[in-house]
Structure formats: structure tokens, C-alpha cells
Protein backbone atom coordinates (compact mmCIF):
# COMPACT_ATOMS: atom_id res chain seq x y z
CA MET A 1 -92.42 -133.04 -125.49
CA VAL A 2 -93.50 -129.86 -123.74
CA PHE A 3 -90.41 -129.85 -121.56
CA ALA A 4 -88.26 -130.46 -124.60
CA ALA A 5 -89.89 -127.54 -126.43
CA LEU A 6 -89.40 -125.28 -123.41
CA LYS A 7 -85.78 -126.37 -123.16
CA VAL A 8 -85.23 -125.42 -126.78
CA LEU A 9 -86.92 -122.07 -126.32
CA VAL A 10 -84.92 -121.27 -123.17
CA PHE A 11 -81.50 -122.69 -123.99
CA GLY A 12 -81.62 -122.60 -127.75
CA VAL A 13 -80.53 -125.37 -130.11
CA PRO A 14 -78.24 -128.11 -128.77
CA ARG A 15 -74.47 -127.51 -128.70
CA GLN A 16 -73.86 -130.31 -131.18
CA GLY A 17 -75.89 -128.45 -133.78
CA THR A 18 -74.01 -125.23 -132.99
CA ARG A 19 -70.69 -127.00 -133.28
CA THR A 20 -71.79 -128.49 -136.61
CA GLN A 21 -72.86 -125.12 -137.96
CA THR A 22 -69.63 -123.50 -136.76
CA THR A 23 -67.61 -126.26 -138.38
CA ILE A 24 -69.44 -125.76 -141.65
CA GLU A 25 -68.80 -122.02 -141.55
CA GLN A 26 -65.13 -122.58 -140.80
CA ASN A 27 -64.86 -125.04 -143.66
CA VAL A 28 -66.44 -122.49 -145.98
CA ASP A 29 -63.99 -119.83 -144.79
CA HIS A 30 -61.04 -122.19 -145.29
CA THR A 31 -62.31 -123.12 -148.74
CA GLU A 32 -62.62 -119.46 -149.72
CA ARG A 33 -59.12 -118.81 -148.43
CA ASP A 34 -57.78 -121.79 -150.33
CA LEU A 35 -59.50 -120.66 -153.52
CA HIS A 36 -58.17 -117.15 -153.00
CA SER A 37 -54.64 -118.41 -152.37
CA ILE A 38 -54.86 -120.66 -155.43
CA SER A 39 -55.95 -117.73 -157.59
CA LEU A 40 -53.18 -115.58 -156.13
CA SER A 41 -50.60 -118.28 -156.69
CA HIS A 42 -51.87 -118.66 -160.26
CA VAL A 43 -51.55 -114.94 -160.84
CA ASN A 44 -48.12 -114.87 -159.25
CA SER A 45 -47.02 -117.81 -161.37
CA GLU A 46 -48.21 -116.04 -164.50
CA GLU A 47 -46.43 -112.87 -163.42
CA ILE A 48 -43.25 -114.81 -162.72
CA LEU A 49 -43.46 -116.54 -166.09
CA ASP A 50 -44.08 -113.19 -167.75
CA VAL A 51 -41.06 -111.64 -166.04
CA GLU A 52 -38.90 -114.63 -166.94
CA SER A 53 -40.04 -114.46 -170.55
CA GLN A 54 -39.24 -110.75 -170.67
CA ASP A 55 -35.79 -111.43 -169.19
CA TYR A 56 -35.26 -114.13 -171.81
CA LEU A 57 -36.29 -111.79 -174.60
CA ILE A 58 -33.99 -109.08 -173.28
CA GLU A 59 -31.12 -111.54 -172.99
CA LYS A 60 -31.83 -112.83 -176.50
CA ARG A 61 -32.03 -109.32 -177.89
CA PHE A 62 -28.78 -108.15 -176.30
CA LYS A 63 -26.81 -111.37 -176.54
CA VAL A 64 -23.99 -109.64 -178.46
CA ASN A 65 -20.88 -109.49 -176.31
CA PRO A 66 -20.32 -105.85 -175.26
CA ARG A 67 -16.57 -106.40 -175.39
CA MET A 68 -16.84 -107.28 -179.07
CA VAL A 69 -18.87 -104.11 -179.65
CA SER A 70 -16.16 -102.11 -177.86
CA ASP A 71 -13.41 -103.71 -179.96
CA ALA A 72 -15.34 -103.06 -183.17
CA ILE A 73 -15.81 -99.40 -182.21
CA ILE A 74 -12.08 -99.04 -181.49
CA GLY A 75 -11.12 -100.57 -184.83
CA LEU A 76 -13.67 -98.64 -186.88
CA SER A 77 -12.94 -95.36 -185.11
CA ASP A 78 -9.22 -95.50 -185.92
CA GLY A 79 -9.82 -97.01 -189.34
CA LEU A 80 -12.14 -94.21 -190.39
CA THR A 81 -9.82 -91.40 -189.30
CA VAL A 82 -6.16 -92.43 -189.72
CA PRO A 83 -6.26 -93.86 -193.29
CA PHE A 84 -8.55 -91.02 -194.38
CA ALA A 85 -6.06 -88.47 -193.10
CA LEU A 86 -3.21 -90.34 -194.79
CA THR A 87 -4.92 -90.60 -198.19
CA ALA A 88 -5.97 -86.96 -198.01
CA GLY A 89 -2.37 -86.00 -197.31
CA LEU A 90 -1.01 -88.20 -200.10
CA SER A 91 -3.45 -86.62 -202.56
CA SER A 92 -1.25 -83.53 -202.42
CA LEU A 93 1.32 -85.50 -204.46
CA ALA A 94 -1.09 -85.30 -207.45
CA SER A 95 -0.96 -89.05 -208.17
CA THR A 96 -3.75 -91.53 -207.55
CA ARG A 97 -1.22 -94.38 -207.67
CA TYR A 98 0.68 -92.98 -204.69
CA VAL A 99 -2.56 -92.56 -202.76
CA VAL A 100 -3.74 -96.12 -203.41
CA LEU A 101 -0.39 -97.79 -202.73
CA GLY A 102 0.27 -95.73 -199.61
CA GLY A 103 -3.26 -96.23 -198.37
CA LEU A 104 -3.19 -100.01 -198.85
CA ALA A 105 0.21 -100.28 -197.16
CA GLU A 106 -1.08 -98.27 -194.20
CA LEU A 107 -4.25 -100.38 -194.04
CA VAL A 108 -2.36 -103.67 -193.82
CA ALA A 109 0.25 -102.38 -191.38
CA GLY A 110 -2.35 -100.58 -189.26
CA ALA A 111 -4.70 -103.57 -189.11
CA ILE A 112 -1.86 -105.88 -188.03
CA SER A 113 -0.68 -103.37 -185.43
CA MET A 114 -4.16 -102.79 -184.04
CA GLY A 115 -4.89 -106.52 -183.97
CA LEU A 116 -1.67 -107.26 -182.09
CA GLY A 117 -2.48 -104.49 -179.64
CA GLY A 118 -5.90 -106.01 -178.98
CA PHE A 119 -4.38 -109.48 -178.56
CA ILE A 120 -1.73 -108.28 -176.12
CA GLY A 121 -4.27 -106.24 -174.17
CA ALA A 122 -6.70 -109.16 -173.80
CA LYS A 123 -3.84 -111.51 -172.92
CA SER A 124 -2.65 -109.11 -170.22
CA GLU A 125 -6.21 -108.95 -168.87
CA ALA A 126 -6.29 -112.76 -168.60
CA ASP A 127 -2.88 -112.81 -166.89
CA SER A 128 -4.07 -110.18 -164.41
CA TYR A 129 -7.19 -112.25 -163.66
CA ASN A 130 -5.13 -115.39 -163.02
CA ALA A 131 -2.80 -113.48 -160.70
CA THR A 132 -5.80 -112.14 -158.78
CA VAL A 133 -7.21 -115.67 -158.46
CA ILE A 134 -3.93 -116.94 -156.98
CA ALA A 135 -3.76 -114.04 -154.50
CA THR A 136 -7.41 -114.49 -153.47
CA ARG A 137 -7.00 -118.24 -152.99
CA ASP A 138 -4.00 -117.63 -150.74
CA LEU A 139 -6.04 -115.09 -148.79
CA ILE A 140 -8.85 -117.63 -148.26
CA THR A 141 -6.37 -120.16 -146.91
CA SER A 142 -4.30 -117.84 -144.73
CA SER A 143 -6.78 -115.26 -143.41
CA PRO A 144 -10.39 -116.38 -142.88
CA ARG A 145 -11.11 -113.31 -140.77
CA ARG A 146 -10.15 -111.09 -143.69
CA THR A 147 -12.45 -112.97 -146.08
CA LEU A 148 -15.29 -112.72 -143.54
CA SER A 149 -14.79 -108.97 -143.55
CA LEU A 150 -14.76 -108.88 -147.37
CA VAL A 151 -18.05 -110.79 -147.60
CA HIS A 152 -19.63 -108.49 -145.02
CA THR A 153 -18.38 -105.44 -146.93
CA ALA A 154 -19.86 -106.77 -150.18
CA PHE A 155 -23.36 -107.09 -148.67
CA GLU A 156 -23.25 -104.04 -146.41
CA PRO A 157 -24.45 -101.49 -149.02
CA TYR A 158 -27.67 -103.50 -149.52
CA GLY A 159 -28.83 -103.07 -145.93
CA LEU A 160 -29.17 -106.79 -145.15
CA PRO A 161 -29.47 -107.85 -141.49
CA SER A 162 -26.25 -108.94 -139.85
CA THR A 163 -27.72 -112.37 -139.10
CA SER A 164 -28.46 -112.94 -142.80
CA ILE A 165 -24.96 -111.82 -143.78
CA ARG A 166 -23.43 -114.17 -141.21
CA THR A 167 -25.52 -117.06 -142.53
CA ILE A 168 -24.49 -116.37 -146.11
CA SER A 169 -20.88 -115.91 -145.11
CA LYS A 170 -20.87 -119.19 -143.20
CA SER A 171 -22.32 -121.01 -146.20
CA LEU A 172 -19.71 -119.49 -148.51
CA HIS A 173 -16.82 -120.34 -146.21
CA GLU A 174 -17.89 -123.97 -146.16
CA SER A 175 -16.91 -124.17 -149.86
CA PRO A 176 -13.59 -122.46 -150.75
CA GLU A 177 -14.36 -122.58 -154.49
CA LYS A 178 -17.72 -120.86 -154.04
CA LEU A 179 -16.07 -118.28 -151.79
CA LEU A 180 -13.37 -117.71 -154.40
CA ASP A 181 -15.97 -117.22 -157.13
CA PHE A 182 -17.94 -114.82 -154.91
CA LEU A 183 -14.90 -112.69 -154.06
CA MET A 184 -13.77 -112.54 -157.68
CA ARG A 185 -17.19 -111.40 -158.88
CA PHE A 186 -18.35 -109.12 -156.08
CA HIS A 187 -15.17 -107.91 -154.39
CA HIS A 188 -12.68 -107.73 -157.26
CA GLN A 189 -15.53 -107.39 -159.81
CA THR A 190 -13.60 -109.39 -162.40
CA PRO A 191 -15.57 -112.21 -164.04
CA PRO A 192 -13.48 -114.93 -165.67
CA PRO A 193 -12.44 -113.95 -169.22
CA ALA A 194 -13.08 -116.33 -172.08
CA THR A 195 -10.10 -118.32 -173.27
CA SER A 196 -10.75 -117.20 -176.85
CA ARG A 197 -10.95 -113.54 -175.86
CA PRO A 198 -7.44 -112.51 -177.13
CA PHE A 199 -8.02 -114.02 -180.58
CA ILE A 200 -11.54 -112.59 -180.91
CA SER A 201 -10.35 -109.16 -179.79
CA ALA A 202 -7.46 -109.18 -182.27
CA ALA A 203 -9.66 -110.27 -185.17
CA THR A 204 -12.44 -107.79 -184.34
CA ILE A 205 -10.16 -104.76 -183.99
CA ALA A 206 -8.09 -105.63 -187.08
CA SER A 207 -11.19 -106.25 -189.21
CA GLY A 208 -12.82 -103.03 -188.03
CA TYR A 209 -9.70 -101.03 -188.81
CA PHE A 210 -9.29 -102.54 -192.29
CA LEU A 211 -12.95 -102.13 -193.27
CA GLY A 212 -13.10 -98.60 -191.89
CA GLY A 213 -9.87 -97.59 -193.64
CA LEU A 214 -11.00 -99.08 -196.94
CA VAL A 215 -13.90 -96.62 -197.21
CA PRO A 216 -11.84 -93.47 -198.05
CA LEU A 217 -9.77 -95.45 -200.58
CA ILE A 218 -12.72 -96.54 -202.71
CA PRO A 219 -13.05 -93.29 -204.75
CA TYR A 220 -9.38 -93.42 -205.75
CA PHE A 221 -9.93 -96.80 -207.40
CA CYS A 222 -12.58 -95.22 -209.63
CA VAL A 223 -10.63 -92.26 -211.05
CA LYS A 224 -7.66 -91.92 -213.37
CA ASN A 225 -4.11 -91.36 -212.16
CA ASP A 226 -4.19 -87.61 -212.87
CA GLU A 227 -7.67 -87.10 -211.36
CA VAL A 228 -6.53 -87.35 -207.77
CA LEU A 229 -8.38 -84.18 -206.74
CA ILE A 230 -11.67 -85.63 -207.99
CA GLY A 231 -11.00 -88.73 -205.93
CA LEU A 232 -10.16 -86.53 -202.95
CA TRP A 233 -13.45 -84.65 -203.10
CA TRP A 234 -15.41 -87.87 -203.47
CA SER A 235 -13.47 -89.34 -200.58
CA ILE A 236 -14.25 -86.31 -198.42
CA GLY A 237 -17.97 -86.55 -199.20
CA ILE A 238 -18.11 -90.28 -198.49
CA MET A 239 -16.15 -89.89 -195.29
CA ILE A 240 -18.38 -87.11 -193.97
CA ILE A 241 -21.36 -89.44 -194.37
CA ALA A 242 -19.47 -92.44 -192.96
CA LEU A 243 -18.08 -90.54 -189.97
CA PHE A 244 -21.47 -89.00 -189.20
CA ALA A 245 -23.25 -92.38 -189.42
CA PHE A 246 -20.58 -94.11 -187.34
CA GLY A 247 -20.60 -91.41 -184.67
CA TYR A 248 -24.39 -91.56 -184.39
CA ALA A 249 -24.45 -95.38 -184.32
CA LYS A 250 -21.65 -95.54 -181.75
CA THR A 251 -23.54 -93.21 -179.41
CA GLY A 252 -26.79 -95.07 -180.01
CA VAL A 253 -25.26 -98.40 -179.06
CA VAL A 254 -23.99 -96.94 -175.80
CA SER A 255 -26.86 -94.67 -174.68
CA GLY A 256 -29.88 -95.87 -176.68
CA TRP A 257 -31.81 -94.88 -179.77
CA ARG A 258 -35.19 -93.56 -178.63
CA GLY A 259 -36.03 -90.33 -176.92
CA ARG A 260 -35.07 -86.73 -177.51
CA GLU A 261 -32.00 -86.87 -175.27
CA ASN A 262 -30.62 -89.95 -177.02
CA VAL A 263 -31.19 -88.41 -180.45
CA LEU A 264 -29.39 -85.22 -179.41
CA ALA A 265 -26.56 -87.27 -177.92
CA GLY A 266 -26.31 -89.22 -181.19
CA LEU A 267 -26.13 -86.02 -183.22
CA LYS A 268 -23.47 -84.67 -180.89
CA GLY A 269 -21.40 -87.85 -181.22
CA ALA A 270 -21.78 -87.80 -185.00
CA THR A 271 -20.66 -84.17 -185.18
CA GLN A 272 -17.64 -84.92 -183.00
CA MET A 273 -16.57 -87.75 -185.29
CA VAL A 274 -16.84 -85.52 -188.36
CA VAL A 275 -14.84 -82.76 -186.67
CA VAL A 276 -12.11 -85.17 -185.50
CA GLY A 277 -11.81 -86.74 -188.95
CA GLY A 278 -11.77 -83.34 -190.64
CA VAL A 279 -9.07 -81.97 -188.35
CA ALA A 280 -6.90 -85.06 -188.85
CA ALA A 281 -7.29 -84.95 -192.63
CA GLY A 282 -6.63 -81.20 -192.77
CA ALA A 283 -3.49 -81.55 -190.68
CA ALA A 284 -2.21 -84.37 -192.90
CA VAL A 285 -2.86 -82.39 -196.09
CA GLY A 286 -1.16 -79.31 -194.68
CA ILE A 287 1.94 -81.23 -193.52
CA VAL A 288 2.38 -83.08 -196.83
CA ARG A 289 1.94 -79.92 -198.88
CA ALA A 290 4.41 -78.05 -196.68
CA ILE A 291 7.02 -80.77 -197.04
CA ASN A 292 6.39 -81.16 -200.75
CA SER A 293 6.61 -77.43 -201.44
CA GLY A 294 9.88 -77.29 -199.53
CA GLY A 295 11.44 -79.72 -201.94
CA SER A 296 12.06 -82.45 -199.39
CA VAL A 297 10.13 -85.05 -201.39
């Protein structure tokens, strides 16, 4: 017993006890690390879910097709200016009947013309896309070295390592359809157009033109045949408000609504629309009055 006590005092506790204590400490450290990693993974999962939910909300909020917005702006912009200028010019003939009939005829003809223009433009865009697909597919078949260079060029601005680019390029070249889709989106930057795009574009532009052009005609429906000047002044007042609101809304859709800069940009766009509409209407009135006073009508 004495020798055993001296051995403990001189050499310390046995190695088995030390190993056991060390093992316990290591297990505690591993447990703490596991708990820490679990908490971090939980936080990261919550952050990822939060980001995904924000992306979903953004996508849900801005799910309107920007091409439809562009078509609507084109139709409304022309519809608010051209028929207004025409009706203002026809008011110089001192007959509300002439203004209404001429305005309606221009509305129908202009809406059909604008709609056909939108249809042809969207159809040409689809034909151009199909031609690009055929040319790119031929390039994939005939010149793999060229497509390798195109893939490398697409990723080069992002500063990716060459080994990563080669790996991605190899994976893409194993599937010609995936490579075709990649080149169309990232090299040509032309996503596939919807098959219904020409019809939607035509309907949107034509509807926007007709609705916008109907606004300056409304006052002439509410006055007598010999009160064309009253209808003109009401039409001018309504159109100033409509052009200002449309110019502000158009700028807001493009650049945003909040902030001092966006508000100033909206006011600038609204003022430009009012000036353009006023100049067009003034020119139409002046030309009609000049022709009418010359006895040509």
C-alpha cells in the first residue's frame, strides 16, 4: 500500500485514468461543436428560407410580364397623343359631329394598325429566335472548339477559375440540348418567346391605343353640335390631366415610385408627355385652320 501510494505521488494517476479523462474532454468538445454546428445550420436554414420567401414575394409582386407593360405603354402613349391632336384639329371645323365621326374613324383604324404592327413585330422576333436556334445548333455540331470558346467567354467576366469553367463546359457539351439552351440564354441573350406572344402583343397595343384615344373624345359626346369649342376646352383639360398622370405612371413603372430622385423623374416624364401632346394638338389645330381658311375644305 505504501509503495502504491508513493507510486501515485511520484508518477501521478495511471494512464488509463488520464486517457479516460482526455476522452471525456474530447467528447465534450465534440458535443459542443455538434451543438454549435446544429445551431448554425438551423440559423442558416432559417436565413435560406427567409431569402427564398422574399424571392417568392418579389416574384409574386412583379409577376406582370414586362413585355405586356411595354406594349401597353406604346399603345397608350400613341392613343393619348394622336387622336387628341386629330380631334383638336377637327374642332376648327366648328362641328361636334365632324369631331366625333373623325375621331372614331381614326380610333378604329389606328387601333387596327397598331395591333397589326405589334403582331408583325412579335412574329418577326419569334422568327429571328428560331433562325438563331438553327444556326447555334449547326455550330454545336460542326465546331465544338468554337462552342468551348463561347462558354469560356460567357463565364470569363465572373472571374471563375479555369478548372471550374472547364468542368462546367465539359458537362454542358455532354448534352447538346443543354448546351444549346445555355448559348441561347447567355451568349445570344435571347430567351425563348412565348407562342402566344404575337396575339397578346397585338391585343395589348390595340386596346391601349383605343382606350387612350377614347379619352379626348368623351367631352364631345356631352356637348351640342354647335358647342364644339366647349368640348375642345374640356378635352384639353382632361387630356392635360391624363397625359400628366400617364407620364408620371410610365416613369414610375420603369424607375420606381419612392425616393426624391424617382419623384423628380416622374414629374419630368409627366411634363414631357404634356408638352408632346400639346405640341401635337397645336400643330394639328394650326394646320386644319390654315387649310380651312384657304378654302380648300
